[in-house]
Protein backbone atom coordinates (compact mmCIF):
# COMPACT_ATOMS: atom_id res chain seq x y z
CA UNK A 1 -0.62 9.77 -13.16
CA UNK A 2 0.09 9.20 -9.51
CA UNK A 3 -2.53 10.86 -6.56
CA UNK A 4 -2.17 10.45 -2.92
CA UNK A 5 -4.18 8.12 -0.36
CA UNK A 6 -7.11 11.15 0.00
CA UNK A 7 -7.86 11.26 -3.37
CA UNK A 8 -8.19 8.11 -3.85
CA UNK A 9 -10.70 7.55 -0.41
CA UNK A 10 -11.73 11.20 -2.19
CA UNK A 11 -12.67 9.25 -5.52
CA UNK A 12 -13.85 6.06 -3.78
CA UNK A 13 -14.39 5.94 -1.01
CA UNK A 14 -16.21 2.44 -0.11
CA UNK A 15 -13.04 0.53 -2.03
CA UNK A 16 -10.84 2.94 0.16
CA UNK A 17 -12.55 2.04 3.41
CA UNK A 18 -13.12 -1.37 2.43
CA UNK A 19 -8.64 -1.29 1.46
CA UNK A 20 -7.97 0.29 4.73
CA UNK A 21 -9.85 -1.88 6.92
CA UNK A 22 -7.70 -4.92 4.77
CA UNK A 23 -4.51 -3.55 5.62
CA UNK A 24 -5.78 -2.92 9.69
CA UNK A 25 -6.37 -6.36 10.26
CA UNK A 26 -3.11 -7.36 10.51
CA UNK A 27 -0.20 -5.27 11.21
CA UNK A 28 1.94 -7.46 8.50
CA UNK A 29 1.97 -7.16 4.69
CA UNK A 30 4.63 -7.82 1.94
CA UNK A 31 5.90 -4.88 -0.27
CA UNK A 32 7.37 -5.90 -3.08
CA UNK A 33 10.59 -3.58 -4.74
CA UNK A 34 13.17 -4.25 -7.70
CA UNK A 35 16.88 -4.88 -7.12
CA UNK A 36 19.06 -3.02 -8.49
CA UNK A 37 19.86 -5.57 -11.29
CA UNK A 38 15.48 -5.31 -12.31
CA UNK A 39 14.32 -8.60 -10.44
CA UNK A 40 11.66 -8.14 -7.53
CA UNK A 41 12.49 -8.32 -3.99
CA UNK A 42 9.48 -9.19 -1.62
CA UNK A 43 10.07 -7.78 2.71
CA UNK A 44 7.38 -7.57 5.37
CA UNK A 45 6.52 -3.87 6.17
CA UNK A 46 4.38 -2.19 9.20
CA UNK A 47 2.04 0.96 6.90
CA UNK A 48 0.15 3.68 7.88
CA UNK A 49 -2.32 5.67 6.08
CA UNK A 50 -2.64 9.21 8.18
CA UNK A 51 -3.48 12.28 7.53
CA UNK A 52 -4.93 11.57 3.96
CA UNK A 53 -1.61 9.37 3.08
CA UNK A 54 -0.55 5.87 2.84
CA UNK A 55 2.90 6.04 4.86
CA UNK A 56 6.26 3.10 4.62
CA UNK A 57 8.62 3.22 7.34
CA UNK A 58 11.62 1.50 6.91
CA UNK A 59 14.73 0.63 9.14
CA UNK A 60 17.65 2.94 8.00
CA UNK A 61 19.69 1.76 4.68
CA UNK A 62 17.06 -1.45 4.97
CA UNK A 63 17.60 -2.99 1.46
CA UNK A 64 13.94 -2.63 0.68
CA UNK A 65 14.25 1.21 1.28
CA UNK A 66 17.88 1.15 -0.98
CA UNK A 67 16.03 0.42 -3.28
CA UNK A 68 13.27 2.34 -3.46
CA UNK A 69 15.53 5.16 -3.52
CA UNK A 70 17.11 3.74 -6.64
CA UNK A 71 13.33 2.87 -8.47
CA UNK A 72 10.86 4.12 -6.71
CA UNK A 73 8.24 1.57 -7.75
CA UNK A 74 6.32 -1.01 -5.10
CA UNK A 75 3.94 -3.32 -4.90
CA UNK A 76 2.08 -3.51 -1.60
CA UNK A 77 -0.19 -6.88 -0.89
CA UNK A 78 -2.35 -6.88 2.03
CA UNK A 79 -1.36 -9.45 4.30
CA UNK A 80 -3.72 -12.50 3.09
CA UNK A 81 -4.05 -13.23 7.24
CA UNK A 82 -4.36 -17.89 8.26
CA UNK A 83 -6.02 -20.03 5.90
CA UNK A 84 -8.36 -19.73 3.29
CA UNK A 85 -11.06 -17.10 4.48
CA UNK A 86 -8.97 -13.38 2.86
CA UNK A 87 -11.43 -11.18 5.94
CA UNK A 88 -12.87 -8.91 2.82
CA UNK A 89 -11.02 -10.02 0.05
CA UNK A 90 -6.85 -9.91 -1.08
CA UNK A 91 -5.98 -5.87 -1.38
CA UNK A 92 -2.79 -4.28 -2.95
CA UNK A 93 -1.74 -1.22 -3.84
CA UNK A 94 0.60 -0.36 -6.56
CA UNK A 95 1.98 3.33 -7.07
CA UNK A 96 6.07 4.98 -6.32
CA UNK A 97 7.25 6.15 -3.15
CA UNK A 98 8.53 9.24 -2.26
CA UNK A 99 11.37 9.73 0.48
CA UNK A 100 10.52 12.55 2.66
CA UNK A 101 13.09 13.87 4.26
CA UNK A 102 11.47 17.39 5.51
CA UNK A 103 11.91 16.94 9.31
CA UNK A 104 8.85 18.53 10.27
CA UNK A 105 6.88 16.08 8.02
CA UNK A 106 8.82 13.84 9.30
CA UNK A 107 8.18 15.20 13.36
CA UNK A 108 4.55 14.21 13.07
CA UNK A 109 4.82 11.04 11.75
CA UNK A 110 7.30 9.81 14.37
CA UNK A 111 4.88 11.93 17.11
CA UNK A 112 1.94 9.63 15.78
CA UNK A 113 3.92 6.68 14.87
CA UNK A 114 6.71 5.96 17.20
CA UNK A 115 9.13 4.49 14.67
CA UNK A 116 12.86 3.08 16.08
CA UNK A 117 14.68 5.75 15.00
CA UNK A 118 16.70 6.60 12.63
CA UNK A 119 14.25 5.03 10.33
CA UNK A 120 13.76 6.05 6.35
CA UNK A 121 9.82 7.33 5.39
CA UNK A 122 8.32 6.86 2.57
CA UNK A 123 5.19 8.86 0.79
CA UNK A 124 2.81 6.68 -1.31
CA UNK A 125 2.01 7.90 -4.67
CA UNK A 126 -0.51 5.45 -6.58
CA UNK A 127 -1.36 4.38 -9.47
CA UNK A 128 -3.55 1.54 -8.87
CA UNK A 129 -5.27 -0.35 -6.18
CA UNK A 130 -7.73 -3.50 -7.03
CA UNK A 131 -9.76 -5.98 -4.61
CA UNK A 132 -9.99 -9.19 -5.44
CA UNK A 133 -13.19 -11.69 -3.64
CA UNK A 134 -15.30 -14.37 -4.26
CA UNK A 135 -19.30 -12.90 -3.51
CA UNK A 136 -22.14 -15.02 -3.20
CA UNK A 137 -19.98 -18.04 -3.50
CA UNK A 138 -19.71 -18.56 -7.21
CA UNK A 139 -18.17 -15.06 -8.92
CA UNK A 140 -14.08 -14.06 -8.10
CA UNK A 141 -14.70 -10.06 -8.37
CA UNK A 142 -11.70 -7.88 -9.09
CA UNK A 143 -12.12 -4.26 -8.79
CA UNK A 144 -9.38 -1.99 -10.06
CA UNK A 145 -8.99 1.98 -9.63
CA UNK A 146 -6.38 4.65 -10.68
CA UNK A 147 -5.77 7.36 -10.69
CA UNK A 148 -8.78 9.62 -12.75
CA UNK A 149 -11.14 6.65 -13.79
CA UNK A 150 -13.91 4.98 -11.92
CA UNK A 151 -12.62 1.88 -10.76
CA UNK A 152 -13.55 -1.34 -12.86
CA UNK A 153 -15.50 -3.89 -11.75
CA UNK A 154 -14.80 -7.57 -13.51
CA UNK A 155 -16.52 -10.35 -12.45
CA UNK A 156 -16.06 -14.08 -13.83
CA UNK A 157 -17.09 -17.48 -12.79
């Protein structure tokens, strides 16, 4: 089961706001894709949250775009920043990337973001969102969301 960003925001607005803020703190993040042989590839990536979607824009024929065309599964990790302060927690999103080829949709994205031309555009279909943070300098807290389910919160010392 997957859902788009708007479904996640409607289901879990507080967690969604935290995740968006965390991704907004830095420009570059880490995308994990699967190579042709099944091994992982990590690449830098900028993301955008627009019109209820999480968008992944890429240079033409980049390896990460070719990976996603072959196998749409991905994991996206927010940049943790410098030092040990993760500024609101460590967040990551997993799912499937759906390539957008519709000229009207790409045109609206182009107007808003002004990416270098040409570009690949993918829309994220989420399978999970995870936030991990330290609470009261005592607990490691992990929040996990899957489509159709409430957030599960796990705490350990």
